Amino acid sequence: MSEHKYRKIVEHNRRLKEQLELPRIPVSQACESLTSYMQSTKDYLLPSIWGPPPQDPFASQTGGGCGCSVM
């Protein structure tokens, strides 16, 4: 086997071992966490559930005009 092929295999093996050591959680725990997040985080794209979004202070325009500026 050539030296280059051998180094590629060793590097690939090292990456696989790193992935194997990543922390894992059961699917049921991940589902609970996701469900909890979805129920506690308001999504204003669903106004029938969360109501209208609050007023955006950055969207309001003071004074007349279109709010455009020319540099």
PDB file of N, CA and C in Angstrom:
ATOM      1  N   MET A   1       0.858  -1.167   0.000  1.00  0.00           N
ATOM      2  CA  MET A   1       0.000   0.000   0.000  1.00  0.00           C
ATOM      3  C   MET A   1       0.905   1.232   0.000  1.00  0.00           C
ATOM      4  N   SER A   2       0.522   2.222  -0.768  1.00  0.00           N
ATOM      5  CA  SER A   2       1.358   3.415  -0.858  1.00  0.00           C
ATOM      6  C   SER A   2       1.261   4.230   0.431  1.00  0.00           C
ATOM      7  N   GLU A   3       2.260   5.033   0.650  1.00  0.00           N
ATOM      8  CA  GLU A   3       2.307   5.872   1.852  1.00  0.00           C
ATOM      9  C   GLU A   3       1.134   6.857   1.883  1.00  0.00           C
ATOM     10  N   HIS A   4       0.787   7.417   0.738  1.00  0.00           N
ATOM     11  CA  HIS A   4      -0.313   8.369   0.662  1.00  0.00           C
ATOM     12  C   HIS A   4      -1.640   7.716   1.050  1.00  0.00           C
ATOM     13  N   LYS A   5      -1.912   6.541   0.522  1.00  0.00           N
ATOM     14  CA  LYS A   5      -3.145   5.823   0.851  1.00  0.00           C
ATOM     15  C   LYS A   5      -3.192   5.507   2.344  1.00  0.00           C
ATOM     16  N   TYR A   6      -2.071   5.084   2.864  1.00  0.00           N
ATOM     17  CA  TYR A   6      -1.994   4.730   4.280  1.00  0.00           C
ATOM     18  C   TYR A   6      -2.304   5.957   5.153  1.00  0.00           C
ATOM     19  N   ARG A   7      -1.737   7.117   4.820  1.00  0.00           N
ATOM     20  CA  ARG A   7      -1.992   8.327   5.600  1.00  0.00           C
ATOM     21  C   ARG A   7      -3.462   8.739   5.518  1.00  0.00           C
ATOM     22  N   LYS A   8      -4.073   8.595   4.336  1.00  0.00           N
ATOM     23  CA  LYS A   8      -5.492   8.919   4.195  1.00  0.00           C
ATOM     24  C   LYS A   8      -6.357   8.012   5.073  1.00  0.00           C
ATOM     25  N   ILE A   9      -6.017   6.732   5.106  1.00  0.00           N
ATOM     26  CA  ILE A   9      -6.782   5.782   5.919  1.00  0.00           C
ATOM     27  C   ILE A   9      -6.619   6.095   7.395  1.00  0.00           C
ATOM     28  N   VAL A  10      -5.401   6.399   7.807  1.00  0.00           N
ATOM     29  CA  VAL A  10      -5.148   6.723   9.215  1.00  0.00           C
ATOM     30  C   VAL A  10      -5.901   7.990   9.602  1.00  0.00           C
ATOM     31  N   GLU A  11      -5.890   9.003   8.742  1.00  0.00           N
ATOM     32  CA  GLU A  11      -6.603  10.252   9.012  1.00  0.00           C
ATOM     33  C   GLU A  11      -8.108  10.010   9.087  1.00  0.00           C
ATOM     34  N   HIS A  12      -8.626   9.222   8.179  1.00  0.00           N
ATOM     35  CA  HIS A  12     -10.061   8.898   8.195  1.00  0.00           C
ATOM     36  C   HIS A  12     -10.416   8.149   9.478  1.00  0.00           C
ATOM     37  N   ASN A  13      -9.592   7.231   9.882  1.00  0.00           N
ATOM     38  CA  ASN A  13      -9.815   6.477  11.109  1.00  0.00           C
ATOM     39  C   ASN A  13      -9.814   7.413  12.325  1.00  0.00           C
ATOM     40  N   ARG A  14      -8.899   8.368  12.348  1.00  0.00           N
ATOM     41  CA  ARG A  14      -8.833   9.323  13.456  1.00  0.00           C
ATOM     42  C   ARG A  14     -10.119  10.144  13.535  1.00  0.00           C
ATOM     43  N   ARG A  15     -10.633  10.619  12.376  1.00  0.00           N
ATOM     44  CA  ARG A  15     -11.876  11.388  12.363  1.00  0.00           C
ATOM     45  C   ARG A  15     -13.060  10.541  12.837  1.00  0.00           C
ATOM     46  N   LEU A  16     -13.101   9.289  12.438  1.00  0.00           N
ATOM     47  CA  LEU A  16     -14.190   8.406  12.887  1.00  0.00           C
ATOM     48  C   LEU A  16     -14.144   8.210  14.396  1.00  0.00           C
ATOM     49  N   LYS A  17     -12.948   8.060  14.949  1.00  0.00           N
ATOM     50  CA  LYS A  17     -12.819   7.904  16.407  1.00  0.00           C
ATOM     51  C   LYS A  17     -13.268   9.173  17.124  1.00  0.00           C
ATOM     52  N   GLU A  18     -12.954  10.347  16.568  1.00  0.00           N
ATOM     53  CA  GLU A  18     -13.413  11.598  17.168  1.00  0.00           C
ATOM     54  C   GLU A  18     -14.934  11.666  17.175  1.00  0.00           C
ATOM     55  N   GLN A  19     -15.555  11.282  16.073  1.00  0.00           N
ATOM     56  CA  GLN A  19     -17.014  11.301  15.996  1.00  0.00           C
ATOM     57  C   GLN A  19     -17.635  10.323  16.988  1.00  0.00           C
ATOM     58  N   LEU A  20     -16.962   9.218  17.201  1.00  0.00           N
ATOM     59  CA  LEU A  20     -17.473   8.209  18.124  1.00  0.00           C
ATOM     60  C   LEU A  20     -17.498   8.733  19.554  1.00  0.00           C
ATOM     61  N   GLU A  21     -16.611   9.665  19.880  1.00  0.00           N
ATOM     62  CA  GLU A  21     -16.527  10.189  21.238  1.00  0.00           C
ATOM     63  C   GLU A  21     -17.437  11.390  21.474  1.00  0.00           C
ATOM     64  N   LEU A  22     -18.163  11.856  20.455  1.00  0.00           N
ATOM     65  CA  LEU A  22     -19.084  12.965  20.640  1.00  0.00           C
ATOM     66  C   LEU A  22     -20.191  12.564  21.606  1.00  0.00           C
ATOM     67  N   PRO A  23     -20.633  13.510  22.448  1.00  0.00           N
ATOM     68  CA  PRO A  23     -21.716  13.172  23.384  1.00  0.00           C
ATOM     69  C   PRO A  23     -23.007  12.871  22.631  1.00  0.00           C
ATOM     70  N   ARG A  24     -23.732  11.913  23.105  1.00  0.00           N
ATOM     71  CA  ARG A  24     -24.983  11.500  22.479  1.00  0.00           C
ATOM     72  C   ARG A  24     -26.089  11.499  23.533  1.00  0.00           C
ATOM     73  N   ILE A  25     -27.318  11.771  23.068  1.00  0.00           N
ATOM     74  CA  ILE A  25     -28.472  11.690  23.956  1.00  0.00           C
ATOM     75  C   ILE A  25     -29.522  10.816  23.284  1.00  0.00           C
ATOM     76  N   PRO A  26     -30.360  10.172  24.071  1.00  0.00           N
ATOM     77  CA  PRO A  26     -31.412   9.340  23.476  1.00  0.00           C
ATOM     78  C   PRO A  26     -32.402  10.197  22.688  1.00  0.00           C
ATOM     79  N   VAL A  27     -33.033   9.601  21.709  1.00  0.00           N
ATOM     80  CA  VAL A  27     -33.995  10.309  20.864  1.00  0.00           C
ATOM     81  C   VAL A  27     -35.145  10.842  21.700  1.00  0.00           C
ATOM     82  N   SER A  28     -35.599  10.082  22.688  1.00  0.00           N
ATOM     83  CA  SER A  28     -36.713  10.535  23.518  1.00  0.00           C
ATOM     84  C   SER A  28     -36.348  11.828  24.256  1.00  0.00           C
ATOM     85  N   GLN A  29     -35.118  11.934  24.723  1.00  0.00           N
ATOM     86  CA  GLN A  29     -34.675  13.139  25.415  1.00  0.00           C
ATOM     87  C   GLN A  29     -34.578  14.312  24.437  1.00  0.00           C
ATOM     88  N   ALA A  30     -34.091  14.061  23.239  1.00  0.00           N
ATOM     89  CA  ALA A  30     -34.013  15.113  22.226  1.00  0.00           C
ATOM     90  C   ALA A  30     -35.409  15.606  21.861  1.00  0.00           C
ATOM     91  N   CYS A  31     -36.372  14.691  21.740  1.00  0.00           N
ATOM     92  CA  CYS A  31     -37.755  15.072  21.417  1.00  0.00           C
ATOM     93  C   CYS A  31     -38.362  15.908  22.530  1.00  0.00           C
ATOM     94  N   GLU A  32     -38.119  15.525  23.779  1.00  0.00           N
ATOM     95  CA  GLU A  32     -38.627  16.298  24.907  1.00  0.00           C
ATOM     96  C   GLU A  32     -38.053  17.709  24.897  1.00  0.00           C
ATOM     97  N   SER A  33     -36.769  17.807  24.642  1.00  0.00           N
ATOM     98  CA  SER A  33     -36.109  19.105  24.617  1.00  0.00           C
ATOM     99  C   SER A  33     -36.667  19.972  23.495  1.00  0.00           C
ATOM    100  N   LEU A  34     -36.841  19.399  22.324  1.00  0.00           N
ATOM    101  CA  LEU A  34     -37.380  20.134  21.180  1.00  0.00           C
ATOM    102  C   LEU A  34     -38.818  20.572  21.440  1.00  0.00           C
ATOM    103  N   THR A  35     -39.626  19.687  22.004  1.00  0.00           N
ATOM    104  CA  THR A  35     -41.016  20.011  22.306  1.00  0.00           C
ATOM    105  C   THR A  35     -41.086  21.138  23.321  1.00  0.00           C
ATOM    106  N   SER A  36     -40.258  21.077  24.347  1.00  0.00           N
ATOM    107  CA  SER A  36     -40.223  22.123  25.361  1.00  0.00           C
ATOM    108  C   SER A  36     -39.839  23.465  24.749  1.00  0.00           C
ATOM    109  N   TYR A  37     -38.839  23.455  23.886  1.00  0.00           N
ATOM    110  CA  TYR A  37     -38.408  24.693  23.224  1.00  0.00           C
ATOM    111  C   TYR A  37     -39.524  25.268  22.363  1.00  0.00           C
ATOM    112  N   MET A  38     -40.186  24.417  21.589  1.00  0.00           N
ATOM    113  CA  MET A  38     -41.245  24.883  20.688  1.00  0.00           C
ATOM    114  C   MET A  38     -42.426  25.453  21.465  1.00  0.00           C
ATOM    115  N   GLN A  39     -42.720  24.905  22.630  1.00  0.00           N
ATOM    116  CA  GLN A  39     -43.853  25.392  23.406  1.00  0.00           C
ATOM    117  C   GLN A  39     -43.524  26.673  24.164  1.00  0.00           C
ATOM    118  N   SER A  40     -42.259  26.915  24.446  1.00  0.00           N
ATOM    119  CA  SER A  40     -41.895  28.097  25.224  1.00  0.00           C
ATOM    120  C   SER A  40     -41.397  29.261  24.370  1.00  0.00           C
ATOM    121  N   THR A  41     -41.089  29.036  23.104  1.00  0.00           N
ATOM    122  CA  THR A  41     -40.581  30.085  22.237  1.00  0.00           C
ATOM    123  C   THR A  41     -41.677  30.549  21.292  1.00  0.00           C
ATOM    124  N   LYS A  42     -41.973  31.836  21.354  1.00  0.00           N
ATOM    125  CA  LYS A  42     -43.045  32.372  20.508  1.00  0.00           C
ATOM    126  C   LYS A  42     -42.580  32.480  19.064  1.00  0.00           C
ATOM    127  N   ASP A  43     -43.434  32.035  18.169  1.00  0.00           N
ATOM    128  CA  ASP A  43     -43.178  32.134  16.734  1.00  0.00           C
ATOM    129  C   ASP A  43     -44.277  33.013  16.145  1.00  0.00           C
ATOM    130  N   TYR A  44     -43.943  34.261  15.855  1.00  0.00           N
ATOM    131  CA  TYR A  44     -44.950  35.204  15.392  1.00  0.00           C
ATOM    132  C   TYR A  44     -45.368  34.960  13.951  1.00  0.00           C
ATOM    133  N   LEU A  45     -44.796  33.974  13.293  1.00  0.00           N
ATOM    134  CA  LEU A  45     -45.292  33.592  11.973  1.00  0.00           C
ATOM    135  C   LEU A  45     -46.547  32.742  12.096  1.00  0.00           C
ATOM    136  N   LEU A  46     -46.909  32.389  13.335  1.00  0.00           N
ATOM    137  CA  LEU A  46     -48.146  31.656  13.611  1.00  0.00           C
ATOM    138  C   LEU A  46     -49.044  32.536  14.472  1.00  0.00           C
ATOM    139  N   PRO A  47     -49.610  33.612  13.912  1.00  0.00           N
ATOM    140  CA  PRO A  47     -50.386  34.549  14.727  1.00  0.00           C
ATOM    141  C   PRO A  47     -51.645  33.929  15.327  1.00  0.00           C
ATOM    142  N   SER A  48     -52.160  32.859  14.728  1.00  0.00           N
ATOM    143  CA  SER A  48     -53.361  32.229  15.289  1.00  0.00           C
ATOM    144  C   SER A  48     -53.053  31.586  16.638  1.00  0.00           C
ATOM    145  N   ILE A  49     -51.809  31.275  16.898  1.00  0.00           N
ATOM    146  CA  ILE A  49     -51.424  30.658  18.174  1.00  0.00           C
ATOM    147  C   ILE A  49     -50.856  31.693  19.133  1.00  0.00           C
ATOM    148  N   TRP A  50     -49.940  32.546  18.657  1.00  0.00           N
ATOM    149  CA  TRP A  50     -49.197  33.452  19.535  1.00  0.00           C
ATOM    150  C   TRP A  50     -49.713  34.887  19.498  1.00  0.00           C
ATOM    151  N   GLY A  51     -50.673  35.196  18.638  1.00  0.00           N
ATOM    152  CA  GLY A  51     -51.169  36.562  18.546  1.00  0.00           C
ATOM    153  C   GLY A  51     -50.268  37.403  17.649  1.00  0.00           C
ATOM    154  N   PRO A  52     -50.623  38.667  17.469  1.00  0.00           N
ATOM    155  CA  PRO A  52     -49.816  39.523  16.589  1.00  0.00           C
ATOM    156  C   PRO A  52     -48.458  39.812  17.234  1.00  0.00           C
ATOM    157  N   PRO A  53     -47.469  40.058  16.411  1.00  0.00           N
ATOM    158  CA  PRO A  53     -46.143  40.353  16.956  1.00  0.00           C
ATOM    159  C   PRO A  53     -46.128  41.715  17.642  1.00  0.00           C
ATOM    160  N   PRO A  54     -45.210  41.898  18.596  1.00  0.00           N
ATOM    161  CA  PRO A  54     -45.116  43.215  19.237  1.00  0.00           C
ATOM    162  C   PRO A  54     -44.581  44.245  18.237  1.00  0.00           C
ATOM    163  N   GLN A  55     -44.771  45.502  18.552  1.00  0.00           N
ATOM    164  CA  GLN A  55     -44.301  46.572  17.674  1.00  0.00           C
ATOM    165  C   GLN A  55     -42.775  46.525  17.597  1.00  0.00           C
ATOM    166  N   ASP A  56     -42.256  46.584  16.385  1.00  0.00           N
ATOM    167  CA  ASP A  56     -40.810  46.555  16.165  1.00  0.00           C
ATOM    168  C   ASP A  56     -40.282  47.988  16.230  1.00  0.00           C
ATOM    169  N   PRO A  57     -39.437  48.310  17.216  1.00  0.00           N
ATOM    170  CA  PRO A  57     -38.961  49.693  17.340  1.00  0.00           C
ATOM    171  C   PRO A  57     -38.068  50.115  16.178  1.00  0.00           C
ATOM    172  N   PHE A  58     -37.472  49.186  15.488  1.00  0.00           N
ATOM    173  CA  PHE A  58     -36.588  49.524  14.385  1.00  0.00           C
ATOM    174  C   PHE A  58     -37.370  49.743  13.081  1.00  0.00           C
ATOM    175  N   ALA A  59     -38.611  49.290  13.033  1.00  0.00           N
ATOM    176  CA  ALA A  59     -39.413  49.428  11.822  1.00  0.00           C
ATOM    177  C   ALA A  59     -40.191  50.726  11.781  1.00  0.00           C
ATOM    178  N   SER A  60     -40.383  51.375  12.944  1.00  0.00           N
ATOM    179  CA  SER A  60     -41.186  52.592  12.954  1.00  0.00           C
ATOM    180  C   SER A  60     -40.418  53.742  12.329  1.00  0.00           C
ATOM    181  N   GLN A  61     -41.161  54.551  11.594  1.00  0.00           N
ATOM    182  CA  GLN A  61     -40.547  55.698  10.919  1.00  0.00           C
ATOM    183  C   GLN A  61     -41.052  56.970  11.591  1.00  0.00           C
ATOM    184  N   THR A  62     -40.142  57.839  11.957  1.00  0.00           N
ATOM    185  CA  THR A  62     -40.542  59.114  12.533  1.00  0.00           C
ATOM    186  C   THR A  62     -40.464  60.164  11.433  1.00  0.00           C
ATOM    187  N   GLY A  63     -41.412  61.044  11.441  1.00  0.00           N
ATOM    188  CA  GLY A  63     -41.448  62.087  10.404  1.00  0.00           C
ATOM    189  C   GLY A  63     -41.945  61.504   9.108  1.00  0.00           C
ATOM    190  N   GLY A  64     -42.267  62.349   8.180  1.00  0.00           N
ATOM    191  CA  GLY A  64     -42.784  61.906   6.896  1.00  0.00           C
ATOM    192  C   GLY A  64     -41.693  61.360   6.013  1.00  0.00           C
ATOM    193  N   GLY A  65     -42.057  61.015   4.838  1.00  0.00           N
ATOM    194  CA  GLY A  65     -41.083  60.537   3.887  1.00  0.00           C
ATOM    195  C   GLY A  65     -40.932  59.036   3.921  1.00  0.00           C
ATOM    196  N   CYS A  66     -40.079  58.576   3.043  1.00  0.00           N
ATOM    197  CA  CYS A  66     -39.926  57.122   2.911  1.00  0.00           C
ATOM    198  C   CYS A  66     -38.848  56.554   3.831  1.00  0.00           C
ATOM    199  N   GLY A  67     -38.088  57.398   4.492  1.00  0.00           N
ATOM    200  CA  GLY A  67     -37.036  56.915   5.368  1.00  0.00           C
ATOM    201  C   GLY A  67     -35.762  56.570   4.621  1.00  0.00           C
ATOM    202  N   CYS A  68     -35.690  56.948   3.360  1.00  0.00           N
ATOM    203  CA  CYS A  68     -34.500  56.646   2.542  1.00  0.00           C
ATOM    204  C   CYS A  68     -33.454  57.737   2.738  1.00  0.00           C
ATOM    205  N   SER A  69     -32.229  57.360   2.619  1.00  0.00           N
ATOM    206  CA  SER A  69     -31.166  58.366   2.659  1.00  0.00           C
ATOM    207  C   SER A  69     -30.217  58.105   1.506  1.00  0.00           C
ATOM    208  N   VAL A  70     -29.724  59.202   0.929  1.00  0.00           N
ATOM    209  CA  VAL A  70     -28.809  59.109  -0.201  1.00  0.00           C
ATOM    210  C   VAL A  70     -27.431  59.519   0.291  1.00  0.00           C
ATOM    211  N   MET A  71     -26.478  58.714  -0.019  1.00  0.00           N
ATOM    212  CA  MET A  71     -25.117  59.035   0.415  1.00  0.00           C
ATOM    213  C   MET A  71     -24.345  59.669  -0.709  1.00  0.00           C
TER     214      MET A  71
END
